N, C-alpha and C. Protein backbone atom coordinates (compact mmCIF):
# COMPACT_ATOMS: atom_id res chain seq x y z
N MET A 1 0.84 -1.17 0.00
CA MET A 1 0.00 0.00 0.00
C MET A 1 0.90 1.25 0.00
N ALA A 2 0.66 2.13 -0.93
CA ALA A 2 1.47 3.34 -1.06
C ALA A 2 1.15 4.32 0.06
N SER A 3 2.17 4.93 0.55
CA SER A 3 2.01 5.90 1.62
C SER A 3 1.60 7.24 1.03
N THR A 4 0.63 7.86 1.63
CA THR A 4 0.23 9.20 1.19
C THR A 4 0.48 10.16 2.33
N ARG A 5 1.05 11.29 1.98
CA ARG A 5 1.32 12.31 2.99
C ARG A 5 0.41 13.49 2.72
N ARG A 6 -0.19 13.98 3.75
CA ARG A 6 -1.04 15.15 3.61
C ARG A 6 -0.20 16.41 3.67
N LYS A 7 -0.49 17.29 2.78
CA LYS A 7 0.19 18.57 2.78
C LYS A 7 -0.43 19.43 3.89
N LYS A 8 0.41 19.95 4.74
CA LYS A 8 -0.08 20.78 5.82
C LYS A 8 -0.56 22.10 5.22
N LEU A 9 -1.82 22.41 5.46
CA LEU A 9 -2.39 23.64 4.93
C LEU A 9 -2.14 24.79 5.90
N ILE A 10 -1.63 25.86 5.36
CA ILE A 10 -1.41 27.05 6.17
C ILE A 10 -2.58 27.98 5.91
N PRO A 11 -3.30 28.33 6.96
CA PRO A 11 -4.47 29.18 6.76
C PRO A 11 -4.07 30.58 6.32
N ASN A 12 -5.01 31.25 5.68
CA ASN A 12 -4.78 32.65 5.33
C ASN A 12 -4.74 33.48 6.61
N LEU A 13 -4.06 34.60 6.53
CA LEU A 13 -4.03 35.54 7.64
C LEU A 13 -5.07 36.62 7.39
N THR A 14 -5.83 36.93 8.40
CA THR A 14 -6.81 38.00 8.28
C THR A 14 -6.20 39.26 8.86
N LEU A 15 -6.16 40.29 8.04
CA LEU A 15 -5.54 41.57 8.43
C LEU A 15 -6.58 42.68 8.39
N ASN A 16 -6.42 43.65 9.26
CA ASN A 16 -7.24 44.87 9.18
C ASN A 16 -6.42 45.90 8.42
N LEU A 17 -6.91 46.28 7.25
CA LEU A 17 -6.19 47.22 6.38
C LEU A 17 -6.90 48.56 6.36
N ASN A 18 -6.12 49.63 6.27
CA ASN A 18 -6.69 50.96 6.11
C ASN A 18 -7.36 51.07 4.75
N VAL A 19 -8.38 51.90 4.66
CA VAL A 19 -9.08 52.17 3.41
C VAL A 19 -8.63 53.55 2.93
N PHE A 20 -8.34 53.65 1.63
CA PHE A 20 -7.89 54.90 1.02
C PHE A 20 -8.90 55.34 -0.04
N ASP A 21 -9.02 56.65 -0.25
CA ASP A 21 -9.88 57.14 -1.33
C ASP A 21 -9.12 57.08 -2.66
N GLU A 22 -9.72 57.61 -3.71
CA GLU A 22 -9.13 57.53 -5.06
C GLU A 22 -7.79 58.26 -5.17
N GLN A 23 -7.55 59.24 -4.29
CA GLN A 23 -6.29 59.99 -4.30
C GLN A 23 -5.25 59.39 -3.35
N GLY A 24 -5.59 58.30 -2.68
CA GLY A 24 -4.66 57.65 -1.77
C GLY A 24 -4.66 58.23 -0.37
N VAL A 25 -5.68 59.00 -0.03
CA VAL A 25 -5.79 59.60 1.29
C VAL A 25 -6.58 58.65 2.20
N LEU A 26 -6.09 58.46 3.42
CA LEU A 26 -6.79 57.63 4.39
C LEU A 26 -8.20 58.14 4.63
N THR A 27 -9.17 57.20 4.64
CA THR A 27 -10.56 57.58 4.90
C THR A 27 -10.91 57.48 6.38
N GLY A 28 -10.05 56.84 7.16
CA GLY A 28 -10.35 56.62 8.57
C GLY A 28 -11.07 55.30 8.81
N GLU A 29 -11.40 54.60 7.72
CA GLU A 29 -12.06 53.31 7.82
C GLU A 29 -11.03 52.20 7.66
N THR A 30 -11.39 51.01 8.11
CA THR A 30 -10.56 49.82 7.88
C THR A 30 -11.45 48.73 7.32
N ARG A 31 -10.80 47.73 6.74
CA ARG A 31 -11.52 46.56 6.23
C ARG A 31 -10.66 45.33 6.46
N GLU A 32 -11.33 44.20 6.56
CA GLU A 32 -10.61 42.94 6.73
C GLU A 32 -10.21 42.39 5.37
N ALA A 33 -9.01 41.87 5.31
CA ALA A 33 -8.54 41.20 4.10
C ALA A 33 -7.89 39.88 4.53
N SER A 34 -8.17 38.84 3.78
CA SER A 34 -7.61 37.53 4.06
C SER A 34 -6.55 37.23 3.00
N LEU A 35 -5.29 37.13 3.43
CA LEU A 35 -4.20 36.93 2.49
C LEU A 35 -3.41 35.68 2.85
N SER A 36 -3.00 34.96 1.83
CA SER A 36 -2.17 33.78 2.03
C SER A 36 -0.73 34.21 2.31
N ILE A 37 0.05 33.29 2.85
CA ILE A 37 1.47 33.56 3.07
C ILE A 37 2.14 33.88 1.74
N GLU A 38 1.77 33.17 0.69
CA GLU A 38 2.36 33.41 -0.64
C GLU A 38 2.04 34.81 -1.13
N ALA A 39 0.81 35.29 -0.89
CA ALA A 39 0.43 36.64 -1.30
C ALA A 39 1.26 37.67 -0.56
N LEU A 40 1.40 37.47 0.75
CA LEU A 40 2.21 38.41 1.54
C LEU A 40 3.66 38.41 1.08
N GLN A 41 4.21 37.24 0.78
CA GLN A 41 5.59 37.16 0.30
C GLN A 41 5.74 37.91 -1.02
N ASP A 42 4.78 37.76 -1.93
CA ASP A 42 4.84 38.43 -3.22
C ASP A 42 4.79 39.94 -3.06
N ILE A 43 3.87 40.41 -2.22
CA ILE A 43 3.74 41.86 -2.00
C ILE A 43 5.01 42.41 -1.35
N ILE A 44 5.54 41.72 -0.35
CA ILE A 44 6.76 42.17 0.32
C ILE A 44 7.94 42.18 -0.64
N ASP A 45 8.04 41.16 -1.50
CA ASP A 45 9.12 41.12 -2.49
C ASP A 45 9.06 42.32 -3.42
N HIS A 46 7.85 42.67 -3.88
CA HIS A 46 7.71 43.84 -4.77
C HIS A 46 8.06 45.13 -4.02
N ALA A 47 7.63 45.24 -2.77
CA ALA A 47 7.93 46.44 -1.98
C ALA A 47 9.44 46.57 -1.74
N ALA A 48 10.09 45.45 -1.44
CA ALA A 48 11.54 45.48 -1.21
C ALA A 48 12.29 45.89 -2.47
N SER A 49 11.90 45.34 -3.60
CA SER A 49 12.53 45.69 -4.87
C SER A 49 12.37 47.18 -5.16
N LEU A 50 11.18 47.69 -4.94
CA LEU A 50 10.92 49.11 -5.19
C LEU A 50 11.74 49.99 -4.25
N ALA A 51 11.82 49.62 -2.98
CA ALA A 51 12.59 50.40 -2.01
C ALA A 51 14.07 50.42 -2.38
N ILE A 52 14.59 49.29 -2.82
CA ILE A 52 16.00 49.22 -3.22
C ILE A 52 16.25 50.08 -4.45
N ARG A 53 15.35 50.01 -5.42
CA ARG A 53 15.49 50.85 -6.62
C ARG A 53 15.51 52.33 -6.23
N PHE A 54 14.58 52.72 -5.35
CA PHE A 54 14.48 54.11 -4.92
C PHE A 54 15.74 54.53 -4.17
N ARG A 55 16.18 53.69 -3.25
CA ARG A 55 17.36 53.99 -2.43
C ARG A 55 18.60 54.16 -3.31
N ASN A 56 18.67 53.39 -4.37
CA ASN A 56 19.82 53.46 -5.27
C ASN A 56 19.63 54.48 -6.39
N GLU A 57 18.63 55.33 -6.22
CA GLU A 57 18.36 56.42 -7.16
C GLU A 57 18.22 55.93 -8.60
N ALA A 58 17.41 54.89 -8.75
CA ALA A 58 17.13 54.38 -10.10
C ALA A 58 16.46 55.48 -10.92
N ASP A 59 16.53 55.34 -12.23
CA ASP A 59 15.90 56.36 -13.06
C ASP A 59 14.37 56.29 -12.95
N THR A 60 13.73 57.35 -13.39
CA THR A 60 12.28 57.49 -13.26
C THR A 60 11.52 56.33 -13.89
N ALA A 61 11.97 55.87 -15.05
CA ALA A 61 11.29 54.76 -15.73
C ALA A 61 11.38 53.48 -14.91
N ASP A 62 12.51 53.26 -14.26
CA ASP A 62 12.68 52.06 -13.44
C ASP A 62 11.79 52.13 -12.20
N ILE A 63 11.70 53.30 -11.58
CA ILE A 63 10.82 53.49 -10.43
C ILE A 63 9.36 53.29 -10.86
N ALA A 64 8.99 53.86 -11.99
CA ALA A 64 7.62 53.71 -12.49
C ALA A 64 7.29 52.25 -12.76
N SER A 65 8.26 51.51 -13.29
CA SER A 65 8.07 50.09 -13.54
C SER A 65 7.85 49.34 -12.23
N GLY A 66 8.62 49.67 -11.20
CA GLY A 66 8.47 49.04 -9.90
C GLY A 66 7.12 49.35 -9.27
N ILE A 67 6.66 50.59 -9.43
CA ILE A 67 5.35 50.98 -8.91
C ILE A 67 4.25 50.20 -9.62
N GLU A 68 4.38 50.04 -10.93
CA GLU A 68 3.39 49.27 -11.70
C GLU A 68 3.36 47.81 -11.23
N GLU A 69 4.53 47.22 -11.00
CA GLU A 69 4.59 45.83 -10.52
C GLU A 69 3.94 45.71 -9.14
N MET A 70 4.21 46.67 -8.27
CA MET A 70 3.62 46.66 -6.94
C MET A 70 2.10 46.82 -7.03
N SER A 71 1.66 47.73 -7.86
CA SER A 71 0.24 47.96 -8.05
C SER A 71 -0.47 46.70 -8.53
N GLU A 72 0.13 46.01 -9.48
CA GLU A 72 -0.45 44.77 -9.99
C GLU A 72 -0.56 43.72 -8.90
N ALA A 73 0.47 43.59 -8.08
CA ALA A 73 0.43 42.61 -6.98
C ALA A 73 -0.68 42.97 -6.00
N LEU A 74 -0.81 44.23 -5.66
CA LEU A 74 -1.85 44.66 -4.73
C LEU A 74 -3.24 44.44 -5.31
N GLU A 75 -3.40 44.64 -6.61
CA GLU A 75 -4.69 44.39 -7.26
C GLU A 75 -5.02 42.90 -7.30
N VAL A 76 -4.02 42.09 -7.67
CA VAL A 76 -4.24 40.64 -7.77
C VAL A 76 -4.74 40.07 -6.46
N TYR A 77 -4.19 40.55 -5.35
CA TYR A 77 -4.56 40.02 -4.04
C TYR A 77 -5.68 40.82 -3.38
N ASP A 78 -6.33 41.68 -4.15
CA ASP A 78 -7.50 42.44 -3.70
C ASP A 78 -7.20 43.33 -2.49
N VAL A 79 -5.98 43.87 -2.45
CA VAL A 79 -5.64 44.83 -1.40
C VAL A 79 -6.12 46.21 -1.82
N ILE A 80 -6.01 46.51 -3.12
CA ILE A 80 -6.54 47.75 -3.68
C ILE A 80 -7.43 47.37 -4.86
N PRO A 81 -8.41 48.22 -5.18
CA PRO A 81 -9.26 47.92 -6.34
C PRO A 81 -8.47 48.08 -7.63
N GLU A 82 -8.94 47.39 -8.66
CA GLU A 82 -8.29 47.52 -9.96
C GLU A 82 -8.43 48.94 -10.47
N ALA A 83 -7.36 49.44 -11.08
CA ALA A 83 -7.37 50.77 -11.66
C ALA A 83 -8.20 50.76 -12.94
N GLU A 84 -9.06 51.74 -13.08
CA GLU A 84 -9.88 51.83 -14.28
C GLU A 84 -9.56 53.12 -15.01
N GLY A 85 -9.16 52.97 -16.25
CA GLY A 85 -8.92 54.14 -17.08
C GLY A 85 -7.69 54.94 -16.70
N ILE A 86 -6.78 54.35 -15.94
CA ILE A 86 -5.55 55.05 -15.58
C ILE A 86 -4.47 54.65 -16.56
N PRO A 87 -3.91 55.60 -17.30
CA PRO A 87 -2.89 55.25 -18.27
C PRO A 87 -1.61 54.75 -17.59
N ALA A 88 -0.97 53.81 -18.22
CA ALA A 88 0.29 53.28 -17.70
C ALA A 88 1.35 54.37 -17.77
N PRO A 89 2.29 54.40 -16.81
CA PRO A 89 3.35 55.42 -16.83
C PRO A 89 4.28 55.24 -18.02
């Protein structure tokens, strides 16, 4: 009889996140978001990359590219709503 191993499931983490308006200003409200460890790792990786680019005075196009990558990660994991009608940098 073949041995089967169960993969240990890691539950999502529920976080209380600030809510921002369309201009990025805090509204004073919060909302719950449930994120997997993988989602958090992806978001943190994008944030770290962007911070390093900024710290090393990367050119404007490189910073804009990093912001776009971060924005996409935040949208994919439903941390921020998808941008509608906003032209790419």
